[in-house]
N, C-alpha and C. Protein backbone atom coordinates (compact mmCIF):
# COMPACT_ATOMS: atom_id res chain seq x y z
N MET A 1 0.84 -1.18 0.00
CA MET A 1 0.00 0.00 0.00
C MET A 1 0.89 1.24 0.00
N GLU A 2 0.53 2.19 -0.82
CA GLU A 2 1.31 3.42 -0.95
C GLU A 2 0.54 4.57 -0.33
N MET A 3 1.23 5.36 0.48
CA MET A 3 0.61 6.52 1.11
C MET A 3 0.62 7.68 0.13
N GLU A 4 -0.53 8.31 -0.06
CA GLU A 4 -0.61 9.49 -0.91
C GLU A 4 -0.44 10.73 -0.07
N LYS A 5 0.30 11.69 -0.60
CA LYS A 5 0.47 12.96 0.09
C LYS A 5 -0.71 13.86 -0.25
N ILE A 6 -1.41 14.30 0.78
CA ILE A 6 -2.53 15.21 0.59
C ILE A 6 -2.01 16.63 0.83
N VAL A 7 -2.23 17.48 -0.14
CA VAL A 7 -1.74 18.85 -0.06
C VAL A 7 -2.77 19.69 0.67
N THR A 8 -2.36 20.28 1.77
CA THR A 8 -3.26 21.19 2.49
C THR A 8 -2.92 22.62 2.07
N GLN A 9 -3.88 23.48 2.19
CA GLN A 9 -3.72 24.84 1.72
C GLN A 9 -4.17 25.79 2.82
N ALA A 10 -3.25 26.61 3.28
CA ALA A 10 -3.53 27.53 4.38
C ALA A 10 -4.26 28.78 3.91
N VAL A 11 -4.96 29.40 4.83
CA VAL A 11 -5.54 30.73 4.61
C VAL A 11 -4.44 31.74 4.93
N ILE A 12 -4.27 32.72 4.05
CA ILE A 12 -3.27 33.77 4.25
C ILE A 12 -4.02 35.07 4.49
N GLU A 13 -3.78 35.68 5.65
CA GLU A 13 -4.54 36.88 6.03
C GLU A 13 -3.76 38.15 5.73
N THR A 14 -4.48 39.16 5.23
CA THR A 14 -3.94 40.51 5.09
C THR A 14 -4.90 41.44 5.83
N GLN A 15 -4.57 42.72 5.89
CA GLN A 15 -5.47 43.66 6.57
C GLN A 15 -6.78 43.83 5.84
N ARG A 16 -6.75 43.83 4.50
CA ARG A 16 -7.95 44.13 3.71
C ARG A 16 -8.73 42.91 3.27
N PHE A 17 -8.09 41.76 3.19
CA PHE A 17 -8.75 40.56 2.66
C PHE A 17 -8.00 39.33 3.10
N ASP A 18 -8.62 38.18 2.88
CA ASP A 18 -7.97 36.90 3.13
C ASP A 18 -7.75 36.20 1.79
N LEU A 19 -6.65 35.49 1.69
CA LEU A 19 -6.44 34.56 0.57
C LEU A 19 -6.83 33.20 1.12
N ARG A 20 -7.90 32.65 0.58
CA ARG A 20 -8.41 31.38 1.08
C ARG A 20 -8.58 30.42 -0.08
N PRO A 21 -8.60 29.11 0.21
CA PRO A 21 -8.82 28.14 -0.86
C PRO A 21 -10.17 28.34 -1.56
N VAL A 22 -10.22 27.93 -2.79
CA VAL A 22 -11.46 28.02 -3.59
C VAL A 22 -12.51 27.07 -3.02
N ARG A 23 -13.77 27.50 -3.09
CA ARG A 23 -14.92 26.68 -2.69
C ARG A 23 -15.87 26.54 -3.87
N LYS A 24 -16.68 25.51 -3.86
CA LYS A 24 -17.68 25.33 -4.92
C LYS A 24 -18.60 26.54 -5.02
N SER A 25 -18.91 27.16 -3.88
CA SER A 25 -19.83 28.31 -3.88
C SER A 25 -19.23 29.54 -4.58
N ASP A 26 -17.94 29.52 -4.91
CA ASP A 26 -17.31 30.63 -5.61
C ASP A 26 -17.55 30.59 -7.12
N MET A 27 -18.07 29.48 -7.64
CA MET A 27 -18.18 29.30 -9.09
C MET A 27 -18.95 30.41 -9.80
N GLY A 28 -20.04 30.87 -9.23
CA GLY A 28 -20.85 31.90 -9.89
C GLY A 28 -20.08 33.19 -10.11
N LEU A 29 -19.42 33.68 -9.06
CA LEU A 29 -18.66 34.93 -9.19
C LEU A 29 -17.42 34.74 -10.07
N ILE A 30 -16.76 33.60 -9.94
CA ILE A 30 -15.59 33.34 -10.80
C ILE A 30 -16.02 33.35 -12.26
N GLU A 31 -17.12 32.68 -12.58
CA GLU A 31 -17.59 32.66 -13.97
C GLU A 31 -18.01 34.05 -14.44
N MET A 32 -18.67 34.80 -13.57
CA MET A 32 -19.09 36.14 -13.97
C MET A 32 -17.87 37.00 -14.31
N TYR A 33 -16.84 36.98 -13.46
CA TYR A 33 -15.66 37.81 -13.70
C TYR A 33 -14.83 37.31 -14.88
N THR A 34 -14.65 36.01 -14.99
CA THR A 34 -13.81 35.49 -16.08
C THR A 34 -14.52 35.55 -17.42
N SER A 35 -15.82 35.76 -17.42
CA SER A 35 -16.55 35.96 -18.68
C SER A 35 -16.33 37.35 -19.25
N ASP A 36 -15.77 38.23 -18.45
CA ASP A 36 -15.51 39.61 -18.87
C ASP A 36 -14.27 39.61 -19.77
N LEU A 37 -14.41 40.12 -20.97
CA LEU A 37 -13.30 40.17 -21.92
C LEU A 37 -12.09 40.89 -21.36
N ARG A 38 -12.30 41.91 -20.55
CA ARG A 38 -11.17 42.65 -19.96
C ARG A 38 -10.31 41.77 -19.07
N VAL A 39 -10.92 40.86 -18.34
CA VAL A 39 -10.17 39.94 -17.49
C VAL A 39 -9.46 38.90 -18.36
N ALA A 40 -10.19 38.29 -19.29
CA ALA A 40 -9.60 37.26 -20.15
C ALA A 40 -8.43 37.80 -20.95
N ARG A 41 -8.53 39.02 -21.39
CA ARG A 41 -7.48 39.62 -22.22
C ARG A 41 -6.17 39.78 -21.46
N MET A 42 -6.21 39.87 -20.14
CA MET A 42 -5.00 40.08 -19.34
C MET A 42 -4.38 38.78 -18.84
N THR A 43 -4.91 37.64 -19.28
CA THR A 43 -4.35 36.35 -18.88
C THR A 43 -4.07 35.51 -20.11
N GLN A 44 -3.29 34.47 -19.92
CA GLN A 44 -3.10 33.54 -21.02
C GLN A 44 -3.91 32.27 -20.82
N SER A 45 -4.59 32.16 -19.69
CA SER A 45 -5.28 30.90 -19.39
C SER A 45 -6.81 31.00 -19.44
N ILE A 46 -7.36 32.19 -19.57
CA ILE A 46 -8.82 32.32 -19.60
C ILE A 46 -9.27 32.59 -21.02
N PRO A 47 -10.02 31.65 -21.61
CA PRO A 47 -10.51 31.86 -22.97
C PRO A 47 -11.71 32.81 -22.98
N HIS A 48 -11.93 33.43 -24.11
CA HIS A 48 -13.13 34.26 -24.24
C HIS A 48 -13.77 33.96 -25.59
N PRO A 49 -15.03 33.64 -25.64
CA PRO A 49 -15.92 33.47 -24.50
C PRO A 49 -15.56 32.22 -23.70
N ILE A 50 -15.92 32.23 -22.44
CA ILE A 50 -15.60 31.10 -21.57
C ILE A 50 -16.50 29.92 -21.93
N PRO A 51 -15.93 28.76 -22.23
CA PRO A 51 -16.75 27.60 -22.62
C PRO A 51 -17.61 27.09 -21.46
N PRO A 52 -18.79 26.59 -21.78
CA PRO A 52 -19.66 26.02 -20.73
C PRO A 52 -18.93 24.90 -19.98
N GLY A 53 -19.05 24.92 -18.67
CA GLY A 53 -18.45 23.87 -17.84
C GLY A 53 -17.00 24.12 -17.45
N SER A 54 -16.34 25.09 -18.05
CA SER A 54 -14.92 25.28 -17.76
C SER A 54 -14.69 25.83 -16.34
N THR A 55 -15.58 26.66 -15.84
CA THR A 55 -15.42 27.18 -14.48
C THR A 55 -15.57 26.06 -13.46
N GLU A 56 -16.57 25.21 -13.67
CA GLU A 56 -16.75 24.07 -12.76
C GLU A 56 -15.54 23.15 -12.81
N ALA A 57 -15.01 22.89 -14.00
CA ALA A 57 -13.82 22.04 -14.12
C ALA A 57 -12.62 22.68 -13.42
N PHE A 58 -12.46 23.99 -13.57
CA PHE A 58 -11.36 24.69 -12.90
C PHE A 58 -11.46 24.57 -11.39
N VAL A 59 -12.65 24.84 -10.84
CA VAL A 59 -12.84 24.78 -9.39
C VAL A 59 -12.62 23.35 -8.89
N THR A 60 -13.10 22.37 -9.62
CA THR A 60 -12.89 20.97 -9.24
C THR A 60 -11.41 20.64 -9.19
N ARG A 61 -10.64 21.07 -10.22
CA ARG A 61 -9.18 20.85 -10.22
C ARG A 61 -8.52 21.57 -9.06
N ALA A 62 -8.95 22.79 -8.78
CA ALA A 62 -8.34 23.59 -7.71
C ALA A 62 -8.58 22.98 -6.33
N MET A 63 -9.66 22.20 -6.19
CA MET A 63 -9.99 21.59 -4.91
C MET A 63 -9.50 20.14 -4.78
N ALA A 64 -8.96 19.58 -5.85
CA ALA A 64 -8.54 18.18 -5.84
C ALA A 64 -7.33 17.96 -4.93
N ASP A 65 -7.29 16.79 -4.29
CA ASP A 65 -6.15 16.45 -3.44
C ASP A 65 -4.85 16.30 -4.23
N ASP A 66 -4.95 15.88 -5.47
CA ASP A 66 -3.75 15.64 -6.28
C ASP A 66 -3.44 16.79 -7.24
N ARG A 67 -3.87 18.00 -6.90
CA ARG A 67 -3.66 19.16 -7.76
C ARG A 67 -2.18 19.51 -7.86
N ASP A 68 -1.82 20.17 -8.95
CA ASP A 68 -0.45 20.65 -9.11
C ASP A 68 -0.38 22.17 -9.03
N GLU A 69 -1.49 22.79 -8.65
CA GLU A 69 -1.55 24.24 -8.51
C GLU A 69 -2.46 24.57 -7.34
N ASP A 70 -2.00 25.43 -6.45
CA ASP A 70 -2.84 25.91 -5.36
C ASP A 70 -3.44 27.25 -5.79
N VAL A 71 -4.74 27.40 -5.59
CA VAL A 71 -5.46 28.60 -5.99
C VAL A 71 -6.12 29.19 -4.75
N TRP A 72 -5.94 30.50 -4.58
CA TRP A 72 -6.55 31.22 -3.48
C TRP A 72 -7.51 32.26 -4.03
N VAL A 73 -8.63 32.44 -3.33
CA VAL A 73 -9.59 33.49 -3.64
C VAL A 73 -9.19 34.72 -2.82
N MET A 74 -9.22 35.88 -3.45
CA MET A 74 -9.04 37.15 -2.73
C MET A 74 -10.41 37.50 -2.15
N ASP A 75 -10.62 37.19 -0.88
CA ASP A 75 -11.92 37.30 -0.22
C ASP A 75 -11.94 38.53 0.68
N GLY A 76 -12.79 39.50 0.35
CA GLY A 76 -12.85 40.75 1.09
C GLY A 76 -13.95 40.85 2.11
N LEU A 77 -14.60 39.74 2.45
CA LEU A 77 -15.74 39.80 3.39
C LEU A 77 -15.37 40.41 4.73
N LYS A 78 -14.15 40.21 5.20
CA LYS A 78 -13.79 40.71 6.52
C LYS A 78 -13.76 42.24 6.59
N THR A 79 -13.71 42.90 5.43
CA THR A 79 -13.75 44.37 5.39
C THR A 79 -14.94 44.86 4.56
N ASP A 80 -16.00 44.06 4.55
CA ASP A 80 -17.25 44.40 3.86
C ASP A 80 -17.07 44.62 2.37
N ARG A 81 -16.17 43.86 1.77
CA ARG A 81 -16.01 43.88 0.32
C ARG A 81 -16.56 42.57 -0.24
N ALA A 82 -16.37 42.37 -1.51
CA ALA A 82 -16.91 41.17 -2.17
C ALA A 82 -16.21 39.90 -1.68
N GLU A 83 -16.95 38.80 -1.75
CA GLU A 83 -16.42 37.50 -1.34
C GLU A 83 -15.36 37.00 -2.32
N VAL A 84 -15.50 37.34 -3.59
CA VAL A 84 -14.50 37.00 -4.61
C VAL A 84 -14.12 38.29 -5.33
N MET A 85 -12.88 38.73 -5.13
CA MET A 85 -12.39 39.93 -5.81
C MET A 85 -11.38 39.56 -6.88
N GLY A 86 -10.94 38.32 -6.87
CA GLY A 86 -9.97 37.84 -7.83
C GLY A 86 -9.40 36.52 -7.34
N LEU A 87 -8.48 35.97 -8.13
CA LEU A 87 -7.80 34.72 -7.76
C LEU A 87 -6.30 34.92 -7.90
N ILE A 88 -5.55 34.17 -7.11
CA ILE A 88 -4.10 34.13 -7.22
C ILE A 88 -3.68 32.68 -7.03
N SER A 89 -2.66 32.26 -7.76
CA SER A 89 -2.28 30.85 -7.70
C SER A 89 -0.78 30.67 -7.76
N LEU A 90 -0.35 29.49 -7.30
CA LEU A 90 1.03 29.04 -7.45
C LEU A 90 0.98 27.64 -8.03
N ALA A 91 1.63 27.46 -9.17
CA ALA A 91 1.71 26.14 -9.81
C ALA A 91 3.06 25.53 -9.47
N ARG A 92 3.03 24.30 -8.99
CA ARG A 92 4.27 23.61 -8.63
C ARG A 92 5.12 23.32 -9.86
N MET A 93 6.41 23.54 -9.70
CA MET A 93 7.39 23.22 -10.74
C MET A 93 8.44 22.31 -10.10
N ASP A 94 9.37 21.87 -10.90
CA ASP A 94 10.45 21.05 -10.33
C ASP A 94 11.45 21.94 -9.59
N ARG A 95 12.40 21.36 -8.93
CA ARG A 95 13.49 22.03 -8.21
C ARG A 95 13.00 23.04 -7.18
N ASN A 96 11.91 22.70 -6.50
CA ASN A 96 11.36 23.52 -5.43
C ASN A 96 11.06 24.95 -5.89
N GLN A 97 10.39 25.04 -7.04
CA GLN A 97 10.02 26.31 -7.64
C GLN A 97 8.51 26.32 -7.91
N SER A 98 7.99 27.52 -8.10
CA SER A 98 6.58 27.63 -8.50
C SER A 98 6.42 28.84 -9.41
N GLU A 99 5.32 28.81 -10.18
CA GLU A 99 4.98 29.94 -11.03
C GLU A 99 3.66 30.51 -10.57
N GLY A 100 3.64 31.81 -10.35
CA GLY A 100 2.44 32.48 -9.87
C GLY A 100 1.65 33.12 -10.98
N GLY A 101 0.39 33.29 -10.74
CA GLY A 101 -0.49 33.98 -11.66
C GLY A 101 -1.69 34.52 -10.89
N TYR A 102 -2.33 35.52 -11.45
CA TYR A 102 -3.50 36.07 -10.78
C TYR A 102 -4.37 36.81 -11.79
N TRP A 103 -5.59 37.07 -11.39
CA TRP A 103 -6.45 38.03 -12.06
C TRP A 103 -7.27 38.73 -10.99
N VAL A 104 -7.64 39.96 -11.27
CA VAL A 104 -8.45 40.76 -10.35
C VAL A 104 -9.69 41.22 -11.12
N ALA A 105 -10.84 41.18 -10.46
CA ALA A 105 -12.08 41.65 -11.08
C ALA A 105 -11.94 43.14 -11.40
N PRO A 106 -12.45 43.58 -12.56
CA PRO A 106 -12.29 44.98 -12.98
C PRO A 106 -12.71 46.02 -11.95
N HIS A 107 -13.73 45.71 -11.17
CA HIS A 107 -14.19 46.66 -10.15
C HIS A 107 -13.09 46.99 -9.14
N PHE A 108 -12.11 46.10 -8.98
CA PHE A 108 -11.06 46.28 -7.98
C PHE A 108 -9.71 46.65 -8.59
N TRP A 109 -9.69 46.95 -9.88
CA TRP A 109 -8.45 47.38 -10.52
C TRP A 109 -8.00 48.71 -9.93
N ASN A 110 -6.70 48.91 -9.90
CA ASN A 110 -6.08 50.15 -9.43
C ASN A 110 -6.38 50.45 -7.96
N THR A 111 -6.55 49.40 -7.16
CA THR A 111 -6.78 49.58 -5.73
C THR A 111 -5.63 49.02 -4.90
N GLY A 112 -4.61 48.47 -5.56
CA GLY A 112 -3.50 47.85 -4.85
C GLY A 112 -3.78 46.42 -4.42
N LEU A 113 -4.93 45.90 -4.83
CA LEU A 113 -5.31 44.54 -4.44
C LEU A 113 -4.31 43.50 -4.94
N ALA A 114 -3.93 43.59 -6.20
CA ALA A 114 -2.99 42.61 -6.75
C ALA A 114 -1.64 42.69 -6.05
N SER A 115 -1.16 43.90 -5.83
CA SER A 115 0.13 44.07 -5.14
C SER A 115 0.09 43.46 -3.75
N ASP A 116 -0.99 43.73 -3.02
CA ASP A 116 -1.11 43.18 -1.66
C ASP A 116 -1.20 41.65 -1.68
N ALA A 117 -1.94 41.11 -2.66
CA ALA A 117 -2.08 39.66 -2.75
C ALA A 117 -0.74 38.99 -3.08
N VAL A 118 -0.02 39.55 -4.05
CA VAL A 118 1.28 38.99 -4.42
C VAL A 118 2.24 39.09 -3.23
N GLU A 119 2.27 40.22 -2.59
CA GLU A 119 3.17 40.39 -1.45
C GLU A 119 2.84 39.41 -0.33
N ALA A 120 1.56 39.24 -0.01
CA ALA A 120 1.15 38.31 1.04
C ALA A 120 1.55 36.88 0.69
N LEU A 121 1.34 36.51 -0.56
CA LEU A 121 1.67 35.15 -0.99
C LEU A 121 3.17 34.90 -0.97
N VAL A 122 3.94 35.88 -1.41
CA VAL A 122 5.39 35.71 -1.41
C VAL A 122 5.92 35.67 0.03
N HIS A 123 5.41 36.53 0.89
CA HIS A 123 5.85 36.52 2.29
C HIS A 123 5.48 35.20 2.97
N ALA A 124 4.28 34.71 2.73
CA ALA A 124 3.85 33.45 3.35
C ALA A 124 4.62 32.26 2.78
N ASN A 125 4.96 32.34 1.48
CA ASN A 125 5.67 31.26 0.80
C ASN A 125 5.11 29.88 1.21
N PRO A 126 3.82 29.65 0.94
CA PRO A 126 3.15 28.44 1.45
C PRO A 126 3.74 27.13 0.93
N MET A 127 4.40 27.15 -0.19
CA MET A 127 5.02 25.93 -0.73
C MET A 127 6.48 25.80 -0.32
N ARG A 128 6.96 26.76 0.46
CA ARG A 128 8.36 26.78 0.90
C ARG A 128 9.31 26.67 -0.28
N ASN A 129 9.03 27.47 -1.31
CA ASN A 129 9.83 27.47 -2.53
C ASN A 129 11.16 28.18 -2.33
N ASP A 130 12.14 27.76 -3.13
CA ASP A 130 13.40 28.48 -3.21
C ASP A 130 13.27 29.62 -4.22
N THR A 131 12.44 29.41 -5.25
CA THR A 131 12.29 30.40 -6.31
C THR A 131 10.84 30.44 -6.76
N MET A 132 10.34 31.65 -7.02
CA MET A 132 9.01 31.85 -7.58
C MET A 132 9.17 32.65 -8.87
N PHE A 133 8.36 32.33 -9.85
CA PHE A 133 8.36 33.03 -11.13
C PHE A 133 6.98 33.61 -11.38
N ALA A 134 6.94 34.68 -12.16
CA ALA A 134 5.66 35.24 -12.60
C ALA A 134 5.91 36.03 -13.86
N SER A 135 4.85 36.30 -14.58
CA SER A 135 4.97 37.10 -15.80
C SER A 135 3.70 37.90 -16.00
N VAL A 136 3.84 38.98 -16.75
CA VAL A 136 2.67 39.77 -17.16
C VAL A 136 2.83 40.06 -18.64
N PHE A 137 1.72 40.36 -19.28
CA PHE A 137 1.78 40.73 -20.69
C PHE A 137 2.34 42.13 -20.83
N GLN A 138 3.06 42.32 -21.88
CA GLN A 138 3.68 43.61 -22.17
C GLN A 138 2.63 44.70 -22.31
N ASP A 139 1.44 44.37 -22.80
CA ASP A 139 0.42 45.38 -22.97
C ASP A 139 -0.42 45.60 -21.70
N ASN A 140 0.08 45.12 -20.55
CA ASN A 140 -0.54 45.38 -19.26
C ASN A 140 0.53 45.90 -18.30
N PRO A 141 1.09 47.07 -18.57
CA PRO A 141 2.22 47.55 -17.77
C PRO A 141 1.88 47.78 -16.31
N ALA A 142 0.64 48.04 -15.96
CA ALA A 142 0.28 48.26 -14.56
C ALA A 142 0.58 47.03 -13.72
N SER A 143 0.48 45.83 -14.32
CA SER A 143 0.75 44.60 -13.58
C SER A 143 2.21 44.48 -13.18
N PHE A 144 3.09 45.14 -13.92
CA PHE A 144 4.51 45.08 -13.58
C PHE A 144 4.73 45.52 -12.13
N PHE A 145 3.98 46.52 -11.69
CA PHE A 145 4.17 47.07 -10.35
C PHE A 145 3.49 46.24 -9.27
N SER A 146 2.77 45.18 -9.65
CA SER A 146 2.17 44.29 -8.67
C SER A 146 3.20 43.34 -8.08
N PHE A 147 4.34 43.20 -8.75
CA PHE A 147 5.33 42.22 -8.33
C PHE A 147 6.40 42.86 -7.47
N PRO A 148 6.54 42.38 -6.25
CA PRO A 148 7.52 42.96 -5.33
C PRO A 148 8.94 42.51 -5.66
N SER A 149 9.89 43.14 -5.02
CA SER A 149 11.29 42.79 -5.21
C SER A 149 11.74 41.95 -4.02
N PHE A 150 11.85 40.65 -4.23
CA PHE A 150 12.33 39.73 -3.21
C PHE A 150 13.49 38.95 -3.77
N PRO A 151 14.40 38.48 -2.93
CA PRO A 151 15.59 37.79 -3.43
C PRO A 151 15.30 36.52 -4.22
N PHE A 152 14.16 35.88 -4.02
CA PHE A 152 13.91 34.62 -4.71
C PHE A 152 12.75 34.71 -5.70
N PHE A 153 12.39 35.91 -6.10
CA PHE A 153 11.24 36.12 -6.97
C PHE A 153 11.70 36.67 -8.31
N TYR A 154 11.41 35.94 -9.39
CA TYR A 154 11.78 36.37 -10.74
C TYR A 154 10.54 36.82 -11.49
N PHE A 155 10.70 37.78 -12.33
CA PHE A 155 9.59 38.38 -13.05
C PHE A 155 9.93 38.46 -14.53
N PHE A 156 8.97 38.15 -15.38
CA PHE A 156 9.19 38.19 -16.82
C PHE A 156 8.04 38.90 -17.51
N PHE A 157 8.35 39.63 -18.56
CA PHE A 157 7.33 40.16 -19.44
C PHE A 157 7.01 39.10 -20.48
N ARG A 158 5.77 38.97 -20.86
CA ARG A 158 5.38 38.12 -21.98
C ARG A 158 4.71 39.01 -23.01
N TRP A 159 5.03 38.76 -24.23
CA TRP A 159 4.44 39.57 -25.29
C TRP A 159 3.34 38.79 -25.95
N CYS A 160 2.24 39.47 -26.22
CA CYS A 160 1.15 38.79 -26.90
C CYS A 160 0.66 39.69 -28.01
N CYS A 161 0.23 39.08 -29.05
CA CYS A 161 -0.40 39.78 -30.17
C CYS A 161 0.58 40.51 -31.08
N SER A 162 1.73 40.92 -30.62
CA SER A 162 2.69 41.60 -31.47
C SER A 162 4.10 41.29 -30.97
N PRO A 163 5.10 41.39 -31.84
CA PRO A 163 6.45 41.10 -31.38
C PRO A 163 6.90 42.15 -30.36
N PRO A 164 7.81 41.75 -29.47
CA PRO A 164 8.24 42.70 -28.44
C PRO A 164 9.05 43.84 -29.04
N PRO A 165 8.84 45.03 -28.51
CA PRO A 165 9.66 46.15 -28.98
C PRO A 165 11.06 46.03 -28.37
N PRO A 166 12.06 46.59 -29.04
CA PRO A 166 13.40 46.54 -28.43
C PRO A 166 13.44 47.43 -27.19
N LEU A 167 14.07 46.93 -26.14
CA LEU A 167 14.18 47.70 -24.91
C LEU A 167 15.55 48.36 -24.84
N PRO A 168 15.60 49.63 -24.47
CA PRO A 168 16.90 50.27 -24.28
C PRO A 168 17.60 49.65 -23.07
N PRO A 169 18.94 49.64 -23.05
CA PRO A 169 19.67 49.03 -21.93
C PRO A 169 19.25 49.57 -20.57
N SER A 170 18.92 50.85 -20.46
CA SER A 170 18.53 51.41 -19.17
C SER A 170 17.24 50.77 -18.65
N GLU A 171 16.30 50.46 -19.55
CA GLU A 171 15.04 49.84 -19.14
C GLU A 171 15.25 48.38 -18.74
N ILE A 172 16.09 47.68 -19.46
CA ILE A 172 16.40 46.29 -19.11
C ILE A 172 17.01 46.26 -17.71
N HIS A 173 17.96 47.16 -17.45
CA HIS A 173 18.59 47.23 -16.13
C HIS A 173 17.54 47.52 -15.06
N SER A 174 16.63 48.44 -15.34
CA SER A 174 15.59 48.80 -14.38
C SER A 174 14.72 47.60 -14.04
N HIS A 175 14.35 46.80 -15.03
CA HIS A 175 13.52 45.62 -14.77
C HIS A 175 14.25 44.63 -13.90
N ARG A 176 15.53 44.42 -14.15
CA ARG A 176 16.30 43.49 -13.33
C ARG A 176 16.39 44.00 -11.89
N ARG A 177 16.61 45.28 -11.72
CA ARG A 177 16.74 45.86 -10.39
C ARG A 177 15.45 45.69 -9.60
N VAL A 178 14.32 46.01 -10.21
CA VAL A 178 13.04 45.94 -9.52
C VAL A 178 12.68 44.49 -9.17
N CYS A 179 13.04 43.58 -10.03
CA CYS A 179 12.60 42.20 -9.86
C CYS A 179 13.47 41.39 -8.94
N GLY A 180 14.62 41.88 -8.57
CA GLY A 180 15.47 41.16 -7.64
C GLY A 180 16.36 40.15 -8.34
N VAL A 181 17.16 39.50 -7.56
CA VAL A 181 18.13 38.53 -8.06
C VAL A 181 17.83 37.22 -7.39
N GLY A 182 17.94 36.14 -8.11
CA GLY A 182 17.65 34.82 -7.58
C GLY A 182 18.75 34.32 -6.68
N PRO A 183 18.51 33.19 -6.03
CA PRO A 183 19.50 32.62 -5.12
C PRO A 183 20.74 32.18 -5.89
N SER A 184 21.87 32.27 -5.23
CA SER A 184 23.10 31.81 -5.89
C SER A 184 23.15 30.29 -5.83
N THR A 185 23.68 29.70 -6.89
CA THR A 185 23.72 28.24 -6.93
C THR A 185 25.14 27.77 -6.97
């Protein structure tokens, strides 16, 4: 008989909201927000229009014991905000690494919600990673500032829809400085 490892997922508290595991009751709000073209356009994983059944499949995967990605809901109920304001996730990779991703409902854009969620998740480091990665689309520059500068956090721009413009050396240096440096090996 082989023992299976069950992955538990902690609640991460901030002053404005909690990052908590996804529940089946979140499906309605998740589908409403991810059906919005503005949200889908800022991710590489949300299709538009959203196919029938895909939200239920996503929530089922996020709640599975054998999942390879932990997903947290940005839950603002403790400060009289919405129960689902967005999602943030960490996908397990090899070599004790993970890749993060998130989306925020349009109503909560430009409120610092994404920055606070990323910072809380990186500080908590629930997977005890040595390195975390994340990326944003080049045509969503506001997301660049959601990513904090930590010694084990790497950040990448991804280009979509058009080839990347050439970056001047000063801008490349600036991105490296803001994003931090990884652990020495």
